[in-house]
Amino acid sequence: MPSSHSALVTTLCTNVGYRSGINSDVFMLSLVFFMVTIRDAVGVRRANGIQSKVLNGIGKKLNEKGIIDFVPVKEVQGHTPAEVAIGCLLGFFIGLGFCLLK
């Protein structure tokens, strides 16, 4: 259910922020990496999955009418916002737990 990519980058960002401080250059780099990964998980991959489903529907109809020979494209579903949010929460608490275990 939760997004493992979101959990991983959240854990990384939490650990770097805890150990190096939120004003460090490394934290800013990890924060940008976090934002790009979250944007990809929620927006880009989900949009690709919806688009491929629509293309397969159109191709199937055209194939039934004999207009074209259609080979379906792979439908890859992205994460829902809830899956990403739960992954982020899980990653934050795991990262915080590892930081406090020193």
C-alpha atoms as a PDB file:
ATOM      1  CA  MET A   1       0.000   0.000   0.000  1.00  0.00           C
ATOM      2  CA  PRO A   2       2.472   2.728   0.929  1.00  0.00           C
ATOM      3  CA  SER A   3       4.901   4.017  -1.643  1.00  0.00           C
ATOM      4  CA  SER A   4       8.357   2.614  -0.927  1.00  0.00           C
ATOM      5  CA  HIS A   5      10.014   5.351  -2.987  1.00  0.00           C
ATOM      6  CA  SER A   6       8.303   8.030  -0.892  1.00  0.00           C
ATOM      7  CA  ALA A   7       9.304   6.279   2.318  1.00  0.00           C
ATOM      8  CA  LEU A   8      12.925   5.966   1.191  1.00  0.00           C
ATOM      9  CA  VAL A   9      13.404   9.611   0.191  1.00  0.00           C
ATOM     10  CA  THR A  10      11.577  10.803   3.311  1.00  0.00           C
ATOM     11  CA  THR A  11      13.865   8.700   5.500  1.00  0.00           C
ATOM     12  CA  LEU A  12      16.890  10.086   3.675  1.00  0.00           C
ATOM     13  CA  CYS A  13      15.700  13.676   4.048  1.00  0.00           C
ATOM     14  CA  THR A  14      14.868  13.166   7.742  1.00  0.00           C
ATOM     15  CA  ASN A  15      18.257  11.629   8.517  1.00  0.00           C
ATOM     16  CA  VAL A  16      20.191  14.315   6.657  1.00  0.00           C
ATOM     17  CA  GLY A  17      18.142  17.072   8.299  1.00  0.00           C
ATOM     18  CA  TYR A  18      18.644  15.603  11.758  1.00  0.00           C
ATOM     19  CA  ARG A  19      22.362  14.951  11.423  1.00  0.00           C
ATOM     20  CA  SER A  20      23.482  17.902   9.253  1.00  0.00           C
ATOM     21  CA  GLY A  21      20.817  20.457  10.147  1.00  0.00           C
ATOM     22  CA  ILE A  22      18.105  21.916   7.985  1.00  0.00           C
ATOM     23  CA  ASN A  23      20.323  24.828   6.959  1.00  0.00           C
ATOM     24  CA  SER A  24      22.971  22.615   5.354  1.00  0.00           C
ATOM     25  CA  ASP A  25      23.612  22.257   1.644  1.00  0.00           C
ATOM     26  CA  VAL A  26      23.226  18.492   1.830  1.00  0.00           C
ATOM     27  CA  PHE A  27      19.757  18.848   3.344  1.00  0.00           C
ATOM     28  CA  MET A  28      18.693  21.203   0.563  1.00  0.00           C
ATOM     29  CA  LEU A  29      19.901  18.683  -2.011  1.00  0.00           C
ATOM     30  CA  SER A  30      18.022  15.855  -0.284  1.00  0.00           C
ATOM     31  CA  LEU A  31      14.899  18.047  -0.048  1.00  0.00           C
ATOM     32  CA  VAL A  32      14.962  18.707  -3.803  1.00  0.00           C
ATOM     33  CA  PHE A  33      15.470  14.968  -4.421  1.00  0.00           C
ATOM     34  CA  PHE A  34      12.489  14.321  -2.116  1.00  0.00           C
ATOM     35  CA  MET A  35      10.256  16.782  -3.984  1.00  0.00           C
ATOM     36  CA  VAL A  36      11.167  15.419  -7.420  1.00  0.00           C
ATOM     37  CA  THR A  37      10.512  11.845  -6.303  1.00  0.00           C
ATOM     38  CA  ILE A  38       7.160  12.708  -4.716  1.00  0.00           C
ATOM     39  CA  ARG A  39       6.082  14.658  -7.789  1.00  0.00           C
ATOM     40  CA  ASP A  40       6.997  11.715  -9.981  1.00  0.00           C
ATOM     41  CA  ALA A  41       5.149   9.228  -7.759  1.00  0.00           C
ATOM     42  CA  VAL A  42       1.930  11.235  -7.574  1.00  0.00           C
ATOM     43  CA  GLY A  43       1.751  13.123 -10.838  1.00  0.00           C
ATOM     44  CA  VAL A  44       3.772  11.759 -13.704  1.00  0.00           C
ATOM     45  CA  ARG A  45       3.373   8.017 -13.183  1.00  0.00           C
ATOM     46  CA  ARG A  46      -0.320   8.292 -12.390  1.00  0.00           C
ATOM     47  CA  ALA A  47      -0.942  10.434 -15.485  1.00  0.00           C
ATOM     48  CA  ASN A  48       0.950   7.901 -17.634  1.00  0.00           C
ATOM     49  CA  GLY A  49      -1.202   5.081 -16.293  1.00  0.00           C
ATOM     50  CA  ILE A  50      -4.433   6.935 -17.034  1.00  0.00           C
ATOM     51  CA  GLN A  51      -3.211   7.861 -20.517  1.00  0.00           C
ATOM     52  CA  SER A  52      -2.206   4.280 -21.362  1.00  0.00           C
ATOM     53  CA  LYS A  53      -5.621   2.999 -20.229  1.00  0.00           C
ATOM     54  CA  VAL A  54      -7.384   5.483 -22.550  1.00  0.00           C
ATOM     55  CA  LEU A  55      -5.053   4.631 -25.455  1.00  0.00           C
ATOM     56  CA  ASN A  56      -5.731   0.917 -24.982  1.00  0.00           C
ATOM     57  CA  GLY A  57      -9.484   1.587 -25.050  1.00  0.00           C
ATOM     58  CA  ILE A  58      -9.240   3.582 -28.276  1.00  0.00           C
ATOM     59  CA  GLY A  59      -6.934   0.995 -29.850  1.00  0.00           C
ATOM     60  CA  LYS A  60      -9.282  -1.841 -28.903  1.00  0.00           C
ATOM     61  CA  LYS A  61     -12.247  -0.100 -30.551  1.00  0.00           C
ATOM     62  CA  LEU A  62     -10.246   0.608 -33.720  1.00  0.00           C
ATOM     63  CA  ASN A  63      -9.034  -2.998 -33.767  1.00  0.00           C
ATOM     64  CA  GLU A  64     -12.611  -4.303 -33.480  1.00  0.00           C
ATOM     65  CA  LYS A  65     -13.661  -2.194 -36.476  1.00  0.00           C
ATOM     66  CA  GLY A  66     -10.718  -3.522 -38.485  1.00  0.00           C
ATOM     67  CA  ILE A  67      -9.134  -0.122 -38.992  1.00  0.00           C
ATOM     68  CA  ILE A  68      -5.763  -0.948 -37.432  1.00  0.00           C
ATOM     69  CA  ASP A  69      -3.937  -3.874 -35.885  1.00  0.00           C
ATOM     70  CA  PHE A  70      -3.428  -2.750 -32.311  1.00  0.00           C
ATOM     71  CA  VAL A  71      -1.014  -4.128 -29.747  1.00  0.00           C
ATOM     72  CA  PRO A  72      -1.938  -2.872 -26.253  1.00  0.00           C
ATOM     73  CA  VAL A  73       0.581  -0.722 -24.397  1.00  0.00           C
ATOM     74  CA  LYS A  74       1.625  -1.584 -20.870  1.00  0.00           C
ATOM     75  CA  GLU A  75      -0.562   0.052 -18.221  1.00  0.00           C
ATOM     76  CA  VAL A  76       1.602   1.132 -15.297  1.00  0.00           C
ATOM     77  CA  GLN A  77      -0.356   2.648 -12.461  1.00  0.00           C
ATOM     78  CA  GLY A  78       1.229   5.321 -10.294  1.00  0.00           C
ATOM     79  CA  HIS A  79       0.562   5.826  -6.626  1.00  0.00           C
ATOM     80  CA  THR A  80      -2.509   7.490  -5.215  1.00  0.00           C
ATOM     81  CA  PRO A  81      -1.957  10.551  -3.021  1.00  0.00           C
ATOM     82  CA  ALA A  82      -2.930   8.478   0.028  1.00  0.00           C
ATOM     83  CA  GLU A  83      -0.249   5.874  -0.721  1.00  0.00           C
ATOM     84  CA  VAL A  84       2.378   8.590  -1.084  1.00  0.00           C
ATOM     85  CA  ALA A  85       1.271  10.337   2.126  1.00  0.00           C
ATOM     86  CA  ILE A  86       1.401   7.099   4.112  1.00  0.00           C
ATOM     87  CA  GLY A  87       4.822   6.332   2.629  1.00  0.00           C
ATOM     88  CA  CYS A  88       6.046   9.782   3.684  1.00  0.00           C
ATOM     89  CA  LEU A  89       4.738   9.358   7.228  1.00  0.00           C
ATOM     90  CA  LEU A  90       6.249   5.902   7.491  1.00  0.00           C
ATOM     91  CA  GLY A  91       9.576   7.150   6.137  1.00  0.00           C
ATOM     92  CA  PHE A  92       9.625  10.104   8.524  1.00  0.00           C
ATOM     93  CA  PHE A  93       9.067   7.943  11.596  1.00  0.00           C
ATOM     94  CA  ILE A  94      11.566   5.307  10.457  1.00  0.00           C
ATOM     95  CA  GLY A  95      14.169   8.004   9.776  1.00  0.00           C
ATOM     96  CA  LEU A  96      13.508   9.663  13.120  1.00  0.00           C
ATOM     97  CA  GLY A  97      13.739   6.315  14.859  1.00  0.00           C
ATOM     98  CA  PHE A  98      17.134   5.573  13.333  1.00  0.00           C
ATOM     99  CA  CYS A  99      18.378   9.052  14.235  1.00  0.00           C
ATOM    100  CA  LEU A 100      17.332   8.644  17.863  1.00  0.00           C
ATOM    101  CA  LEU A 101      18.909   5.176  18.164  1.00  0.00           C
ATOM    102  CA  LYS A 102      22.494   6.464  17.929  1.00  0.00           C
END
